[in-house]
Amino acid sequence: MPFTPIHLGAGAAFKAIGDRHFSFMVFGGAQVMMDIEPLIGLIRDSDVLHGPSHTLLGALLIGTVAGLIGKPISLAVLRLFGFADARISWTASFSGALLGTGSHILLDAMMHADMRPWWPLATGNPLLGAIPTDHLHMLCLGLGVIGAAVHALRVLWRRRRAASARAP
């Protein structure tokens, strides 16, 4: 199914690791961009849903576009929702985009038989079945829970530190 939220678990883990140098919003946008091709394939009832966009070359191209458009779009959305002082660096935008598309390829290659992640260098998919799909989903869910918890603790720690710095 295109636009699966299970990929966001990896994004939460990346956010916990990368902090301000990683944009979770751009990561999410890159996930959606990756799955436009499979969505069109579903609508057209194609035999192959994961074509050129689901190769390393496709991921690099989509990740570059997502990195370029992700920062301004994410900032506009954040400001629309009242976060006027939101900041996203270009580093955060491109790390979110490229880790988003790269992890998308890795995760999808393990579960979709129509993928050729190394095309045009190779036509096979050696990652298919490397992890059973239900285990892969649990891994992504676990990464999401751990990543969200680490990020939340980091935010609370920063707020507490800032409050104690302001206290007399």
N, C-alpha and C. Protein backbone atom coordinates (compact mmCIF):
# COMPACT_ATOMS: atom_id res chain seq x y z
N MET A 1 0.84 -1.18 0.00
CA MET A 1 0.00 0.00 0.00
C MET A 1 0.89 1.24 0.00
N PRO A 2 0.68 2.15 -0.93
CA PRO A 2 1.48 3.38 -0.93
C PRO A 2 1.19 4.24 0.31
N PHE A 3 2.14 5.06 0.63
CA PHE A 3 2.02 6.02 1.73
C PHE A 3 1.88 5.32 3.08
N THR A 4 2.53 4.19 3.21
CA THR A 4 2.47 3.47 4.47
C THR A 4 3.15 4.25 5.58
N PRO A 5 2.48 4.38 6.72
CA PRO A 5 3.08 5.13 7.83
C PRO A 5 4.19 4.37 8.55
N ILE A 6 4.37 3.10 8.24
CA ILE A 6 5.35 2.29 8.96
C ILE A 6 6.78 2.81 8.73
N HIS A 7 7.02 3.47 7.59
CA HIS A 7 8.34 4.04 7.32
C HIS A 7 8.69 5.15 8.31
N LEU A 8 7.69 5.77 8.90
CA LEU A 8 7.94 6.89 9.80
C LEU A 8 8.66 6.45 11.08
N GLY A 9 8.59 5.17 11.42
CA GLY A 9 9.33 4.67 12.58
C GLY A 9 10.83 4.89 12.41
N ALA A 10 11.32 4.61 11.22
CA ALA A 10 12.74 4.86 10.95
C ALA A 10 13.03 6.35 11.06
N GLY A 11 12.10 7.18 10.59
CA GLY A 11 12.27 8.62 10.67
C GLY A 11 12.36 9.12 12.10
N ALA A 12 11.55 8.54 12.99
CA ALA A 12 11.61 8.94 14.40
C ALA A 12 12.97 8.58 15.00
N ALA A 13 13.50 7.42 14.60
CA ALA A 13 14.83 7.04 15.09
C ALA A 13 15.90 7.98 14.55
N PHE A 14 15.79 8.33 13.26
CA PHE A 14 16.74 9.29 12.67
C PHE A 14 16.65 10.64 13.37
N LYS A 15 15.43 11.06 13.72
CA LYS A 15 15.26 12.34 14.41
C LYS A 15 15.92 12.29 15.78
N ALA A 16 15.79 11.17 16.48
CA ALA A 16 16.42 11.03 17.79
C ALA A 16 17.93 11.11 17.68
N ILE A 17 18.47 10.57 16.62
CA ILE A 17 19.92 10.59 16.42
C ILE A 17 20.38 11.95 15.88
N GLY A 18 19.68 12.47 14.87
CA GLY A 18 20.13 13.67 14.18
C GLY A 18 19.67 14.97 14.81
N ASP A 19 18.63 14.93 15.63
CA ASP A 19 18.10 16.10 16.33
C ASP A 19 17.87 17.24 15.35
N ARG A 20 18.50 18.38 15.55
CA ARG A 20 18.26 19.56 14.71
C ARG A 20 18.86 19.44 13.31
N HIS A 21 19.66 18.43 13.10
CA HIS A 21 20.28 18.23 11.80
C HIS A 21 19.47 17.29 10.91
N PHE A 22 18.24 17.01 11.33
CA PHE A 22 17.36 16.10 10.60
C PHE A 22 15.94 16.63 10.67
N SER A 23 15.27 16.74 9.52
CA SER A 23 13.89 17.19 9.48
C SER A 23 12.95 16.00 9.29
N PHE A 24 12.14 15.75 10.32
CA PHE A 24 11.15 14.69 10.25
C PHE A 24 10.07 15.03 9.22
N MET A 25 9.73 16.31 9.11
CA MET A 25 8.73 16.72 8.12
C MET A 25 9.20 16.44 6.70
N VAL A 26 10.43 16.78 6.40
CA VAL A 26 10.96 16.53 5.06
C VAL A 26 11.06 15.02 4.83
N PHE A 27 11.45 14.28 5.85
CA PHE A 27 11.49 12.81 5.76
C PHE A 27 10.12 12.28 5.34
N GLY A 28 9.07 12.75 6.01
CA GLY A 28 7.71 12.31 5.69
C GLY A 28 7.31 12.68 4.27
N GLY A 29 7.65 13.90 3.86
CA GLY A 29 7.35 14.31 2.49
C GLY A 29 8.08 13.46 1.46
N ALA A 30 9.31 13.10 1.76
CA ALA A 30 10.08 12.25 0.84
C ALA A 30 9.44 10.86 0.73
N GLN A 31 8.88 10.36 1.83
CA GLN A 31 8.18 9.07 1.79
C GLN A 31 7.01 9.12 0.82
N VAL A 32 6.24 10.19 0.91
CA VAL A 32 5.09 10.35 0.02
C VAL A 32 5.55 10.46 -1.43
N MET A 33 6.59 11.25 -1.67
CA MET A 33 7.10 11.39 -3.03
C MET A 33 7.55 10.05 -3.61
N MET A 34 8.16 9.22 -2.78
CA MET A 34 8.61 7.91 -3.24
C MET A 34 7.44 7.03 -3.70
N ASP A 35 6.31 7.19 -3.06
CA ASP A 35 5.19 6.30 -3.35
C ASP A 35 4.19 6.84 -4.36
N ILE A 36 4.55 7.93 -5.05
CA ILE A 36 3.68 8.41 -6.13
C ILE A 36 3.65 7.40 -7.27
N GLU A 37 4.81 6.85 -7.62
CA GLU A 37 4.85 5.86 -8.70
C GLU A 37 4.00 4.63 -8.38
N PRO A 38 4.13 4.00 -7.18
CA PRO A 38 3.26 2.86 -6.88
C PRO A 38 1.77 3.23 -6.87
N LEU A 39 1.43 4.44 -6.43
CA LEU A 39 0.03 4.86 -6.45
C LEU A 39 -0.49 4.91 -7.88
N ILE A 40 0.29 5.50 -8.77
CA ILE A 40 -0.12 5.55 -10.18
C ILE A 40 -0.24 4.12 -10.73
N GLY A 41 0.70 3.26 -10.35
CA GLY A 41 0.63 1.87 -10.78
C GLY A 41 -0.61 1.16 -10.28
N LEU A 42 -1.02 1.42 -9.05
CA LEU A 42 -2.25 0.83 -8.51
C LEU A 42 -3.47 1.33 -9.29
N ILE A 43 -3.50 2.62 -9.57
CA ILE A 43 -4.62 3.20 -10.31
C ILE A 43 -4.71 2.60 -11.71
N ARG A 44 -3.56 2.37 -12.31
CA ARG A 44 -3.51 1.82 -13.67
C ARG A 44 -3.54 0.29 -13.70
N ASP A 45 -3.55 -0.33 -12.53
CA ASP A 45 -3.53 -1.79 -12.41
C ASP A 45 -2.29 -2.39 -13.09
N SER A 46 -1.13 -1.78 -12.85
CA SER A 46 0.14 -2.24 -13.44
C SER A 46 0.65 -3.49 -12.73
N ASP A 47 1.39 -4.29 -13.46
CA ASP A 47 2.01 -5.47 -12.88
C ASP A 47 3.18 -5.09 -11.98
N VAL A 48 3.92 -4.04 -12.35
CA VAL A 48 5.06 -3.58 -11.57
C VAL A 48 4.70 -2.24 -10.94
N LEU A 49 4.69 -2.19 -9.61
CA LEU A 49 4.36 -0.97 -8.90
C LEU A 49 5.62 -0.20 -8.50
N HIS A 50 6.70 -0.93 -8.26
CA HIS A 50 7.94 -0.33 -7.75
C HIS A 50 8.99 -0.34 -8.86
N GLY A 51 8.93 0.67 -9.71
CA GLY A 51 9.84 0.77 -10.85
C GLY A 51 11.01 1.70 -10.58
N PRO A 52 11.29 2.61 -11.51
CA PRO A 52 12.47 3.47 -11.40
C PRO A 52 12.56 4.30 -10.13
N SER A 53 11.43 4.72 -9.58
CA SER A 53 11.51 5.52 -8.35
C SER A 53 12.05 4.70 -7.18
N HIS A 54 11.92 3.40 -7.26
CA HIS A 54 12.35 2.53 -6.17
C HIS A 54 13.68 1.84 -6.48
N THR A 55 14.60 2.65 -7.03
CA THR A 55 15.98 2.23 -7.24
C THR A 55 16.86 3.23 -6.49
N LEU A 56 18.12 2.89 -6.30
CA LEU A 56 19.02 3.83 -5.63
C LEU A 56 19.13 5.14 -6.41
N LEU A 57 19.19 5.04 -7.73
CA LEU A 57 19.25 6.24 -8.56
C LEU A 57 17.96 7.06 -8.41
N GLY A 58 16.82 6.40 -8.46
CA GLY A 58 15.54 7.09 -8.27
C GLY A 58 15.45 7.73 -6.90
N ALA A 59 15.91 7.02 -5.88
CA ALA A 59 15.89 7.56 -4.51
C ALA A 59 16.78 8.78 -4.38
N LEU A 60 17.92 8.76 -5.05
CA LEU A 60 18.83 9.91 -5.02
C LEU A 60 18.19 11.13 -5.71
N LEU A 61 17.57 10.91 -6.84
CA LEU A 61 16.92 12.00 -7.56
C LEU A 61 15.74 12.56 -6.77
N ILE A 62 14.88 11.68 -6.29
CA ILE A 62 13.71 12.12 -5.51
C ILE A 62 14.16 12.77 -4.21
N GLY A 63 15.19 12.23 -3.58
CA GLY A 63 15.72 12.81 -2.35
C GLY A 63 16.28 14.20 -2.56
N THR A 64 16.93 14.42 -3.71
CA THR A 64 17.46 15.74 -4.01
C THR A 64 16.33 16.76 -4.19
N VAL A 65 15.31 16.37 -4.94
CA VAL A 65 14.15 17.25 -5.13
C VAL A 65 13.46 17.50 -3.78
N ALA A 66 13.28 16.45 -3.00
CA ALA A 66 12.62 16.59 -1.69
C ALA A 66 13.44 17.50 -0.77
N GLY A 67 14.75 17.41 -0.84
CA GLY A 67 15.60 18.27 -0.02
C GLY A 67 15.49 19.73 -0.43
N LEU A 68 15.38 19.97 -1.73
CA LEU A 68 15.26 21.34 -2.24
C LEU A 68 13.91 21.97 -1.90
N ILE A 69 12.84 21.22 -2.06
CA ILE A 69 11.50 21.79 -1.82
C ILE A 69 11.03 21.58 -0.39
N GLY A 70 11.67 20.65 0.32
CA GLY A 70 11.21 20.31 1.67
C GLY A 70 11.33 21.42 2.68
N LYS A 71 12.44 22.15 2.65
CA LYS A 71 12.65 23.23 3.61
C LYS A 71 11.60 24.32 3.46
N PRO A 72 11.44 24.92 2.27
CA PRO A 72 10.45 26.00 2.18
C PRO A 72 9.01 25.54 2.43
N ILE A 73 8.66 24.36 1.95
CA ILE A 73 7.30 23.87 2.18
C ILE A 73 7.07 23.59 3.66
N SER A 74 8.01 22.93 4.32
CA SER A 74 7.87 22.63 5.75
C SER A 74 7.79 23.89 6.59
N LEU A 75 8.62 24.88 6.28
CA LEU A 75 8.57 26.14 7.02
C LEU A 75 7.24 26.84 6.81
N ALA A 76 6.71 26.81 5.60
CA ALA A 76 5.41 27.43 5.33
C ALA A 76 4.30 26.73 6.13
N VAL A 77 4.33 25.42 6.18
CA VAL A 77 3.32 24.67 6.94
C VAL A 77 3.46 24.97 8.44
N LEU A 78 4.67 24.97 8.94
CA LEU A 78 4.88 25.25 10.36
C LEU A 78 4.39 26.66 10.71
N ARG A 79 4.67 27.62 9.86
CA ARG A 79 4.21 29.00 10.12
C ARG A 79 2.70 29.09 10.04
N LEU A 80 2.09 28.35 9.13
CA LEU A 80 0.64 28.30 9.01
C LEU A 80 0.00 27.81 10.31
N PHE A 81 0.66 26.90 10.97
CA PHE A 81 0.16 26.35 12.23
C PHE A 81 0.68 27.08 13.47
N GLY A 82 1.24 28.26 13.27
CA GLY A 82 1.59 29.12 14.39
C GLY A 82 3.00 28.99 14.92
N PHE A 83 3.85 28.27 14.24
CA PHE A 83 5.24 28.14 14.68
C PHE A 83 6.10 29.14 13.91
N ALA A 84 5.90 30.42 14.21
CA ALA A 84 6.55 31.49 13.46
C ALA A 84 8.07 31.47 13.58
N ASP A 85 8.59 30.93 14.69
CA ASP A 85 10.04 30.93 14.89
C ASP A 85 10.69 29.61 14.48
N ALA A 86 9.95 28.77 13.75
CA ALA A 86 10.49 27.47 13.33
C ALA A 86 11.68 27.67 12.40
N ARG A 87 12.65 26.78 12.54
CA ARG A 87 13.84 26.83 11.68
C ARG A 87 14.14 25.41 11.19
N ILE A 88 14.50 25.34 9.94
CA ILE A 88 14.97 24.09 9.35
C ILE A 88 16.19 24.45 8.51
N SER A 89 17.31 23.86 8.82
CA SER A 89 18.51 24.15 8.04
C SER A 89 18.49 23.34 6.74
N TRP A 90 19.32 23.74 5.81
CA TRP A 90 19.45 22.96 4.59
C TRP A 90 20.01 21.57 4.89
N THR A 91 20.89 21.49 5.88
CA THR A 91 21.41 20.18 6.29
C THR A 91 20.28 19.29 6.77
N ALA A 92 19.41 19.85 7.60
CA ALA A 92 18.27 19.07 8.12
C ALA A 92 17.34 18.65 6.98
N SER A 93 17.12 19.56 6.03
CA SER A 93 16.24 19.25 4.92
C SER A 93 16.80 18.11 4.07
N PHE A 94 18.08 18.22 3.72
CA PHE A 94 18.67 17.18 2.87
C PHE A 94 18.91 15.87 3.61
N SER A 95 19.23 15.92 4.90
CA SER A 95 19.38 14.66 5.64
C SER A 95 18.02 13.97 5.77
N GLY A 96 16.97 14.74 6.03
CA GLY A 96 15.63 14.16 6.10
C GLY A 96 15.22 13.54 4.77
N ALA A 97 15.48 14.27 3.69
CA ALA A 97 15.09 13.80 2.36
C ALA A 97 15.87 12.56 1.93
N LEU A 98 17.20 12.62 2.05
CA LEU A 98 18.02 11.52 1.54
C LEU A 98 17.95 10.29 2.44
N LEU A 99 17.88 10.49 3.75
CA LEU A 99 17.66 9.33 4.63
C LEU A 99 16.26 8.77 4.42
N GLY A 100 15.33 9.65 4.09
CA GLY A 100 13.96 9.20 3.82
C GLY A 100 13.89 8.32 2.59
N THR A 101 14.46 8.78 1.50
CA THR A 101 14.38 7.98 0.27
C THR A 101 15.28 6.75 0.35
N GLY A 102 16.44 6.88 0.97
CA GLY A 102 17.33 5.72 1.11
C GLY A 102 16.74 4.63 1.98
N SER A 103 16.18 5.02 3.12
CA SER A 103 15.57 4.01 3.99
C SER A 103 14.32 3.42 3.35
N HIS A 104 13.63 4.22 2.56
CA HIS A 104 12.44 3.73 1.86
C HIS A 104 12.82 2.57 0.92
N ILE A 105 13.90 2.78 0.17
CA ILE A 105 14.37 1.72 -0.73
C ILE A 105 14.74 0.46 0.05
N LEU A 106 15.48 0.65 1.13
CA LEU A 106 15.91 -0.49 1.94
C LEU A 106 14.72 -1.26 2.50
N LEU A 107 13.78 -0.55 3.10
CA LEU A 107 12.62 -1.21 3.70
C LEU A 107 11.74 -1.88 2.65
N ASP A 108 11.44 -1.16 1.56
CA ASP A 108 10.59 -1.75 0.53
C ASP A 108 11.24 -2.92 -0.17
N ALA A 109 12.55 -2.88 -0.35
CA ALA A 109 13.24 -3.98 -1.04
C ALA A 109 13.12 -5.28 -0.27
N MET A 110 12.96 -5.20 1.04
CA MET A 110 12.85 -6.42 1.83
C MET A 110 11.47 -7.07 1.71
N MET A 111 10.50 -6.33 1.17
CA MET A 111 9.14 -6.90 1.17
C MET A 111 8.41 -6.87 -0.18
N HIS A 112 8.94 -6.22 -1.19
CA HIS A 112 8.23 -6.14 -2.48
C HIS A 112 9.03 -6.86 -3.56
N ALA A 113 8.42 -7.90 -4.13
CA ALA A 113 9.09 -8.75 -5.11
C ALA A 113 9.36 -8.03 -6.44
N ASP A 114 8.61 -6.95 -6.72
CA ASP A 114 8.81 -6.27 -8.00
C ASP A 114 9.91 -5.21 -7.96
N MET A 115 10.61 -5.11 -6.85
CA MET A 115 11.67 -4.10 -6.73
C MET A 115 12.99 -4.58 -7.33
N ARG A 116 13.70 -3.65 -7.93
CA ARG A 116 15.05 -3.87 -8.46
C ARG A 116 15.90 -2.72 -7.95
N PRO A 117 16.27 -2.72 -6.65
CA PRO A 117 16.91 -1.54 -6.05
C PRO A 117 18.24 -1.14 -6.66
N TRP A 118 18.97 -2.05 -7.27
CA TRP A 118 20.29 -1.73 -7.81
C TRP A 118 20.26 -1.41 -9.30
N TRP A 119 19.07 -1.40 -9.93
CA TRP A 119 18.97 -1.12 -11.35
C TRP A 119 19.54 0.25 -11.63
N PRO A 120 20.33 0.48 -12.65
CA PRO A 120 20.61 -0.38 -13.81
C PRO A 120 21.85 -1.26 -13.64
N LEU A 121 22.47 -1.23 -12.47
CA LEU A 121 23.68 -2.03 -12.26
C LEU A 121 23.38 -3.52 -12.15
N ALA A 122 22.23 -3.87 -11.57
CA ALA A 122 21.82 -5.27 -11.43
C ALA A 122 20.30 -5.32 -11.45
N THR A 123 19.76 -6.46 -11.84
CA THR A 123 18.31 -6.56 -11.98
C THR A 123 17.64 -7.30 -10.84
N GLY A 124 18.38 -7.97 -10.01
CA GLY A 124 17.78 -8.75 -8.93
C GLY A 124 17.48 -7.91 -7.70
N ASN A 125 16.93 -8.59 -6.71
CA ASN A 125 16.64 -7.96 -5.42
C ASN A 125 17.12 -8.89 -4.30
N PRO A 126 18.39 -8.81 -3.94
CA PRO A 126 18.93 -9.71 -2.92
C PRO A 126 18.38 -9.43 -1.51
N LEU A 127 17.71 -8.31 -1.32
CA LEU A 127 17.17 -7.98 0.00
C LEU A 127 15.79 -8.58 0.26
N LEU A 128 15.13 -9.05 -0.81
CA LEU A 128 13.78 -9.59 -0.67
C LEU A 128 13.74 -10.74 0.34
N GLY A 129 12.92 -10.59 1.34
CA GLY A 129 12.76 -11.63 2.35
C GLY A 129 13.86 -11.69 3.39
N ALA A 130 14.76 -10.71 3.40
CA ALA A 130 15.86 -10.72 4.37
C ALA A 130 15.32 -10.72 5.80
N ILE A 131 14.20 -10.06 5.99
CA ILE A 131 13.49 -10.04 7.27
C ILE A 131 12.03 -10.30 6.96
N PRO A 132 11.38 -11.22 7.67
CA PRO A 132 9.95 -11.42 7.43
C PRO A 132 9.18 -10.10 7.59
N THR A 133 8.18 -9.90 6.76
CA THR A 133 7.45 -8.63 6.74
C THR A 133 6.89 -8.25 8.10
N ASP A 134 6.34 -9.20 8.84
CA ASP A 134 5.79 -8.85 10.16
C ASP A 134 6.90 -8.41 11.12
N HIS A 135 8.08 -9.01 11.01
CA HIS A 135 9.22 -8.57 11.83
C HIS A 135 9.71 -7.18 11.41
N LEU A 136 9.68 -6.94 10.11
CA LEU A 136 10.08 -5.63 9.59
C LEU A 136 9.14 -4.54 10.12
N HIS A 137 7.85 -4.83 10.12
CA HIS A 137 6.87 -3.88 10.66
C HIS A 137 7.09 -3.65 12.16
N MET A 138 7.36 -4.70 12.88
CA MET A 138 7.61 -4.56 14.33
C MET A 138 8.90 -3.77 14.58
N LEU A 139 9.91 -3.99 13.75
CA LEU A 139 11.15 -3.23 13.87
C LEU A 139 10.88 -1.73 13.66
N CYS A 140 10.14 -1.40 12.62
CA CYS A 140 9.81 0.01 12.36
C CYS A 140 8.97 0.60 13.48
N LEU A 141 8.03 -0.16 14.00
CA LEU A 141 7.22 0.32 15.13
C LEU A 141 8.10 0.55 16.35
N GLY A 142 8.99 -0.39 16.64
CA GLY A 142 9.91 -0.25 17.77
C GLY A 142 10.83 0.95 17.61
N LEU A 143 11.35 1.13 16.40
CA LEU A 143 12.20 2.30 16.14
C LEU A 143 11.42 3.59 16.37
N GLY A 144 10.15 3.58 15.95
CA GLY A 144 9.31 4.76 16.13
C GLY A 144 9.08 5.08 17.60
N VAL A 145 8.78 4.07 18.39
CA VAL A 145 8.53 4.28 19.82
C VAL A 145 9.80 4.76 20.51
N ILE A 146 10.90 4.10 20.26
CA ILE A 146 12.17 4.49 20.89
C ILE A 146 12.59 5.88 20.42
N GLY A 147 12.52 6.13 19.12
CA GLY A 147 12.90 7.44 18.58
C GLY A 147 12.05 8.56 19.14
N ALA A 148 10.74 8.35 19.21
CA ALA A 148 9.85 9.38 19.75
C ALA A 148 10.14 9.62 21.23
N ALA A 149 10.40 8.55 21.97
CA ALA A 149 10.70 8.71 23.41
C ALA A 149 12.00 9.47 23.62
N VAL A 150 13.02 9.13 22.87
CA VAL A 150 14.31 9.84 23.00
C VAL A 150 14.14 11.31 22.63
N HIS A 151 13.43 11.58 21.56
CA HIS A 151 13.23 12.97 21.15
C HIS A 151 12.42 13.74 22.20
N ALA A 152 11.38 13.14 22.73
CA ALA A 152 10.57 13.80 23.76
C ALA A 152 11.39 14.08 25.01
N LEU A 153 12.21 13.13 25.42
CA LEU A 153 13.08 13.36 26.59
C LEU A 153 14.08 14.48 26.33
N ARG A 154 14.61 14.55 25.11
CA ARG A 154 15.55 15.62 24.76
C ARG A 154 14.85 16.98 24.84
N VAL A 155 13.62 17.08 24.34
CA VAL A 155 12.88 18.34 24.39
C VAL A 155 12.61 18.73 25.84
N LEU A 156 12.17 17.78 26.66
CA LEU A 156 11.91 18.07 28.07
C LEU A 156 13.19 18.52 28.79
N TRP A 157 14.29 17.86 28.50
CA TRP A 157 15.57 18.23 29.12
C TRP A 157 15.97 19.65 28.73
N ARG A 158 15.81 20.00 27.44
CA ARG A 158 16.14 21.36 26.99
C ARG A 158 15.26 22.40 27.68
N ARG A 159 13.97 22.11 27.79
CA ARG A 159 13.07 23.06 28.45
C ARG A 159 13.43 23.24 29.92
N ARG A 160 13.75 22.15 30.56
CA ARG A 160 14.12 22.23 31.98
C ARG A 160 15.43 23.01 32.15
N ARG A 161 16.37 22.76 31.29
CA ARG A 161 17.64 23.47 31.34
C ARG A 161 17.44 24.97 31.07
N ALA A 162 16.59 25.30 30.12
CA ALA A 162 16.31 26.71 29.83
C ALA A 162 15.59 27.38 30.99
N ALA A 163 14.66 26.66 31.61
CA ALA A 163 13.93 27.23 32.76
C ALA A 163 14.86 27.46 33.94
N SER A 164 15.79 26.55 34.18
CA SER A 164 16.71 26.73 35.31
C SER A 164 17.72 27.86 35.02
N ALA A 165 18.02 28.09 33.75
CA ALA A 165 18.93 29.19 33.40
C ALA A 165 18.24 30.55 33.59
N ARG A 166 16.93 30.58 33.44
CA ARG A 166 16.20 31.83 33.65
C ARG A 166 15.89 32.09 35.11
N ALA A 167 15.87 31.05 35.91
CA ALA A 167 15.51 31.21 37.34
C ALA A 167 16.61 31.98 38.08
N PRO A 168 16.17 32.84 39.05
CA PRO A 168 17.16 33.65 39.80
C PRO A 168 18.03 32.82 40.72
